[in-house]
Amino acid sequence: MTVHEITPASIRMSAMNFLAMREHSAHELKVKLSKKFDHPDWIARELEKLKQDGLQSDERFTEAYISMRLRQGKGALVIRLELKEKGISDALASQYLSSHTDWNQLALKAYVKKFGNTLVSDMKEKSRRIRFLTARGFSSANIQYALKQSLEGDD
C-alpha cells in the first residue's frame, strides 16, 4: 500500500478537479481544500496561481451562480446573501446583480408560476403569497409589483 505524498501539485490537481465539476469561488475552494489538506500556505499559493492562470475566477463564478439562481426564480436578496456566504464581495455581487435582470418581471413570473391568475380571496391568502415571494428573495417593491400586475391580468 502506498501513501500519497501531499505536494503543491496534488493540491492544485485537487482544486482543478473541483473546478472541472463546476465554477467555485476562491473561498469555496479554500474551504474544500482545507478539509482535504493541512497546508494553508500551499493552498493559498496554489489558489493564487489558479487565479493568475485564469482557471479560477470569482467574476465567472458570480455570473454562473446568478444565472443558475435566476433560472430557479430566486430574487436579488437571497442571491446576494448566498454569494456573501460563498465569499463574494458585496461590490462584485452588486455589479452582476444590477446588470442581470428586471426583478419585477422575475417576481411576477415566480408568482404566476406558483399561483396562476387566481384571485386573492382574503388577507390570509395574500399574506401567504407575500411570504412566498419574500422567501424567494424579492424586495417589497418587487412583491407589490407582482401582486398589482397579477390582479390587472385578470381584467
C-alpha atoms as a PDB file:
ATOM      1  CA  MET A   1       0.000   0.000   0.000  1.00  0.00           C
ATOM      2  CA  THR A   2       1.398   3.383  -0.999  1.00  0.00           C
ATOM      3  CA  VAL A   3       0.851   6.614   0.841  1.00  0.00           C
ATOM      4  CA  HIS A   4       0.281   9.604  -1.418  1.00  0.00           C
ATOM      5  CA  GLU A   5       2.627  12.425  -0.601  1.00  0.00           C
ATOM      6  CA  ILE A   6       0.980  15.826  -0.284  1.00  0.00           C
ATOM      7  CA  THR A   7       2.606  18.312  -2.625  1.00  0.00           C
ATOM      8  CA  PRO A   8       1.611  21.671  -4.100  1.00  0.00           C
ATOM      9  CA  ALA A   9       0.933  19.786  -7.332  1.00  0.00           C
ATOM     10  CA  SER A  10      -1.505  17.430  -5.580  1.00  0.00           C
ATOM     11  CA  ILE A  11      -3.303  20.446  -4.065  1.00  0.00           C
ATOM     12  CA  ARG A  12      -3.522  22.095  -7.486  1.00  0.00           C
ATOM     13  CA  MET A  13      -4.806  18.877  -9.061  1.00  0.00           C
ATOM     14  CA  SER A  14      -7.483  18.552  -6.400  1.00  0.00           C
ATOM     15  CA  ALA A  15      -8.546  22.169  -6.939  1.00  0.00           C
ATOM     16  CA  MET A  16      -8.690  21.621 -10.691  1.00  0.00           C
ATOM     17  CA  ASN A  17     -10.860  18.545 -10.160  1.00  0.00           C
ATOM     18  CA  PHE A  18     -13.324  20.668  -8.148  1.00  0.00           C
ATOM     19  CA  LEU A  19     -13.286  23.330 -10.874  1.00  0.00           C
ATOM     20  CA  ALA A  20     -13.855  20.720 -13.574  1.00  0.00           C
ATOM     21  CA  MET A  21     -17.194  19.863 -11.974  1.00  0.00           C
ATOM     22  CA  ARG A  22     -18.422  23.492 -11.703  1.00  0.00           C
ATOM     23  CA  GLU A  23     -17.210  27.021 -11.063  1.00  0.00           C
ATOM     24  CA  HIS A  24     -16.177  27.671  -7.459  1.00  0.00           C
ATOM     25  CA  SER A  25     -15.436  30.885  -5.627  1.00  0.00           C
ATOM     26  CA  ALA A  26     -11.924  31.198  -4.194  1.00  0.00           C
ATOM     27  CA  HIS A  27     -13.443  30.945  -0.711  1.00  0.00           C
ATOM     28  CA  GLU A  28     -15.286  27.710  -1.561  1.00  0.00           C
ATOM     29  CA  LEU A  29     -12.125  26.158  -2.973  1.00  0.00           C
ATOM     30  CA  LYS A  30     -10.110  27.213   0.067  1.00  0.00           C
ATOM     31  CA  VAL A  31     -12.654  25.605   2.412  1.00  0.00           C
ATOM     32  CA  LYS A  32     -12.810  22.371   0.412  1.00  0.00           C
ATOM     33  CA  LEU A  33      -9.040  22.109   0.065  1.00  0.00           C
ATOM     34  CA  SER A  34      -8.506  22.908   3.761  1.00  0.00           C
ATOM     35  CA  LYS A  35     -10.673  19.932   4.681  1.00  0.00           C
ATOM     36  CA  LYS A  36      -8.539  17.707   2.487  1.00  0.00           C
ATOM     37  CA  PHE A  37      -5.039  19.142   3.060  1.00  0.00           C
ATOM     38  CA  ASP A  38      -3.398  20.594   6.176  1.00  0.00           C
ATOM     39  CA  HIS A  39      -1.159  23.079   4.343  1.00  0.00           C
ATOM     40  CA  PRO A  40      -2.785  26.544   4.369  1.00  0.00           C
ATOM     41  CA  ASP A  41       0.249  28.273   2.826  1.00  0.00           C
ATOM     42  CA  TRP A  42       0.382  25.851  -0.089  1.00  0.00           C
ATOM     43  CA  ILE A  43      -3.380  26.132  -0.596  1.00  0.00           C
ATOM     44  CA  ALA A  44      -3.206  29.942  -0.702  1.00  0.00           C
ATOM     45  CA  ARG A  45      -0.294  29.858  -3.130  1.00  0.00           C
ATOM     46  CA  GLU A  46      -1.978  27.340  -5.452  1.00  0.00           C
ATOM     47  CA  LEU A  47      -5.263  29.272  -5.408  1.00  0.00           C
ATOM     48  CA  GLU A  48      -3.395  32.414  -6.411  1.00  0.00           C
ATOM     49  CA  LYS A  49      -1.727  30.539  -9.276  1.00  0.00           C
ATOM     50  CA  LEU A  50      -5.118  29.213 -10.437  1.00  0.00           C
ATOM     51  CA  LYS A  51      -6.448  32.797 -10.499  1.00  0.00           C
ATOM     52  CA  GLN A  52      -3.403  34.010 -12.440  1.00  0.00           C
ATOM     53  CA  ASP A  53      -3.805  31.169 -14.938  1.00  0.00           C
ATOM     54  CA  GLY A  54      -7.481  32.057 -15.411  1.00  0.00           C
ATOM     55  CA  LEU A  55      -8.669  28.699 -14.090  1.00  0.00           C
ATOM     56  CA  GLN A  56     -10.451  30.206 -11.080  1.00  0.00           C
ATOM     57  CA  SER A  57     -12.384  33.453 -11.282  1.00  0.00           C
ATOM     58  CA  ASP A  58     -14.760  34.936  -8.721  1.00  0.00           C
ATOM     59  CA  GLU A  59     -16.277  37.013 -11.524  1.00  0.00           C
ATOM     60  CA  ARG A  60     -17.013  33.923 -13.624  1.00  0.00           C
ATOM     61  CA  PHE A  61     -18.340  32.105 -10.557  1.00  0.00           C
ATOM     62  CA  THR A  62     -20.611  35.045  -9.671  1.00  0.00           C
ATOM     63  CA  GLU A  63     -22.041  35.244 -13.168  1.00  0.00           C
ATOM     64  CA  ALA A  64     -22.665  31.480 -13.360  1.00  0.00           C
ATOM     65  CA  TYR A  65     -24.181  31.367  -9.867  1.00  0.00           C
ATOM     66  CA  ILE A  66     -26.540  34.269 -10.527  1.00  0.00           C
ATOM     67  CA  SER A  67     -27.662  32.717 -13.824  1.00  0.00           C
ATOM     68  CA  MET A  68     -28.413  29.422 -12.068  1.00  0.00           C
ATOM     69  CA  ARG A  69     -30.405  31.080  -9.272  1.00  0.00           C
ATOM     70  CA  LEU A  70     -32.334  33.249 -11.763  1.00  0.00           C
ATOM     71  CA  ARG A  71     -33.419  30.107 -13.621  1.00  0.00           C
ATOM     72  CA  GLN A  72     -34.686  28.827 -10.262  1.00  0.00           C
ATOM     73  CA  GLY A  73     -36.757  32.004  -9.779  1.00  0.00           C
ATOM     74  CA  LYS A  74     -34.762  33.455  -6.886  1.00  0.00           C
ATOM     75  CA  GLY A  75     -34.692  37.158  -6.066  1.00  0.00           C
ATOM     76  CA  ALA A  76     -31.786  39.528  -5.569  1.00  0.00           C
ATOM     77  CA  LEU A  77     -31.910  39.491  -1.763  1.00  0.00           C
ATOM     78  CA  VAL A  78     -31.471  35.717  -1.489  1.00  0.00           C
ATOM     79  CA  ILE A  79     -28.840  35.592  -4.223  1.00  0.00           C
ATOM     80  CA  ARG A  80     -26.823  38.406  -2.606  1.00  0.00           C
ATOM     81  CA  LEU A  81     -26.885  36.621   0.771  1.00  0.00           C
ATOM     82  CA  GLU A  82     -25.817  33.311  -0.765  1.00  0.00           C
ATOM     83  CA  LEU A  83     -22.963  34.973  -2.665  1.00  0.00           C
ATOM     84  CA  LYS A  84     -21.757  36.594   0.552  1.00  0.00           C
ATOM     85  CA  GLU A  85     -21.711  33.158   2.216  1.00  0.00           C
ATOM     86  CA  LYS A  86     -19.578  31.912  -0.678  1.00  0.00           C
ATOM     87  CA  GLY A  87     -17.012  34.665  -0.119  1.00  0.00           C
ATOM     88  CA  ILE A  88     -18.070  37.027  -2.906  1.00  0.00           C
ATOM     89  CA  SER A  89     -17.671  40.727  -2.101  1.00  0.00           C
ATOM     90  CA  ASP A  90     -20.765  42.906  -1.963  1.00  0.00           C
ATOM     91  CA  ALA A  91     -19.322  45.130  -4.705  1.00  0.00           C
ATOM     92  CA  LEU A  92     -18.890  42.192  -7.089  1.00  0.00           C
ATOM     93  CA  ALA A  93     -22.346  40.824  -6.271  1.00  0.00           C
ATOM     94  CA  SER A  94     -23.906  44.265  -6.841  1.00  0.00           C
ATOM     95  CA  GLN A  95     -22.108  44.666 -10.147  1.00  0.00           C
ATOM     96  CA  TYR A  96     -23.560  41.441 -11.546  1.00  0.00           C
ATOM     97  CA  LEU A  97     -26.979  41.623  -9.870  1.00  0.00           C
ATOM     98  CA  SER A  98     -27.679  45.138 -11.147  1.00  0.00           C
ATOM     99  CA  SER A  99     -26.890  44.233 -14.737  1.00  0.00           C
ATOM    100  CA  HIS A 100     -28.741  40.958 -14.891  1.00  0.00           C
ATOM    101  CA  THR A 101     -32.490  41.217 -14.960  1.00  0.00           C
ATOM    102  CA  ASP A 102     -35.756  43.005 -14.357  1.00  0.00           C
ATOM    103  CA  TRP A 103     -36.506  41.873 -10.804  1.00  0.00           C
ATOM    104  CA  ASN A 104     -40.140  42.989 -11.034  1.00  0.00           C
ATOM    105  CA  GLN A 105     -40.732  40.737 -14.027  1.00  0.00           C
ATOM    106  CA  LEU A 106     -38.944  37.826 -12.348  1.00  0.00           C
ATOM    107  CA  ALA A 107     -41.116  38.248  -9.227  1.00  0.00           C
ATOM    108  CA  LEU A 108     -44.245  38.313 -11.396  1.00  0.00           C
ATOM    109  CA  LYS A 109     -43.095  35.191 -13.265  1.00  0.00           C
ATOM    110  CA  ALA A 110     -42.474  33.307  -9.981  1.00  0.00           C
ATOM    111  CA  TYR A 111     -45.836  34.488  -8.640  1.00  0.00           C
ATOM    112  CA  VAL A 112     -47.800  33.401 -11.723  1.00  0.00           C
ATOM    113  CA  LYS A 113     -45.977  30.065 -11.872  1.00  0.00           C
ATOM    114  CA  LYS A 114     -46.931  29.322  -8.257  1.00  0.00           C
ATOM    115  CA  PHE A 115     -50.415  30.856  -8.042  1.00  0.00           C
ATOM    116  CA  GLY A 116     -51.581  31.280 -11.623  1.00  0.00           C
ATOM    117  CA  ASN A 117     -54.036  34.113 -12.116  1.00  0.00           C
ATOM    118  CA  THR A 118     -56.295  33.108  -9.246  1.00  0.00           C
ATOM    119  CA  LEU A 119     -57.708  35.959  -7.214  1.00  0.00           C
ATOM    120  CA  VAL A 120     -56.561  36.585  -3.668  1.00  0.00           C
ATOM    121  CA  SER A 121     -59.556  35.521  -1.598  1.00  0.00           C
ATOM    122  CA  ASP A 122     -58.635  37.070   1.771  1.00  0.00           C
ATOM    123  CA  MET A 123     -55.812  38.626   3.774  1.00  0.00           C
ATOM    124  CA  LYS A 124     -54.562  35.236   4.923  1.00  0.00           C
ATOM    125  CA  GLU A 125     -54.073  34.159   1.310  1.00  0.00           C
ATOM    126  CA  LYS A 126     -52.441  37.479   0.404  1.00  0.00           C
ATOM    127  CA  SER A 127     -50.040  37.072   3.340  1.00  0.00           C
ATOM    128  CA  ARG A 128     -49.194  33.555   2.187  1.00  0.00           C
ATOM    129  CA  ARG A 129     -48.361  34.812  -1.290  1.00  0.00           C
ATOM    130  CA  ILE A 130     -46.267  37.667   0.070  1.00  0.00           C
ATOM    131  CA  ARG A 131     -44.344  35.230   2.305  1.00  0.00           C
ATOM    132  CA  PHE A 132     -43.681  33.019  -0.724  1.00  0.00           C
ATOM    133  CA  LEU A 133     -42.109  35.872  -2.692  1.00  0.00           C
ATOM    134  CA  THR A 134     -40.239  37.151   0.368  1.00  0.00           C
ATOM    135  CA  ALA A 135     -38.719  33.710   0.935  1.00  0.00           C
ATOM    136  CA  ARG A 136     -37.657  33.706  -2.710  1.00  0.00           C
ATOM    137  CA  GLY A 137     -35.652  36.883  -2.041  1.00  0.00           C
ATOM    138  CA  PHE A 138     -37.739  39.561  -3.707  1.00  0.00           C
ATOM    139  CA  SER A 139     -37.900  43.099  -2.341  1.00  0.00           C
ATOM    140  CA  SER A 140     -41.170  44.616  -1.129  1.00  0.00           C
ATOM    141  CA  ALA A 141     -41.278  46.750  -4.304  1.00  0.00           C
ATOM    142  CA  ASN A 142     -40.931  43.606  -6.461  1.00  0.00           C
ATOM    143  CA  ILE A 143     -43.664  41.881  -4.451  1.00  0.00           C
ATOM    144  CA  GLN A 144     -46.063  44.837  -4.730  1.00  0.00           C
ATOM    145  CA  TYR A 145     -45.453  44.935  -8.475  1.00  0.00           C
ATOM    146  CA  ALA A 146     -46.198  41.207  -8.835  1.00  0.00           C
ATOM    147  CA  LEU A 147     -49.394  41.457  -6.773  1.00  0.00           C
ATOM    148  CA  LYS A 148     -50.613  44.501  -8.703  1.00  0.00           C
ATOM    149  CA  GLN A 149     -49.792  43.022 -12.132  1.00  0.00           C
ATOM    150  CA  SER A 150     -51.426  39.697 -11.330  1.00  0.00           C
ATOM    151  CA  LEU A 151     -54.654  41.493 -10.398  1.00  0.00           C
ATOM    152  CA  GLU A 152     -54.555  43.619 -13.558  1.00  0.00           C
ATOM    153  CA  GLY A 153     -54.000  40.473 -15.614  1.00  0.00           C
ATOM    154  CA  ASP A 154     -57.445  39.217 -14.555  1.00  0.00           C
ATOM    155  CA  ASP A 155     -59.283  42.158 -16.103  1.00  0.00           C
END
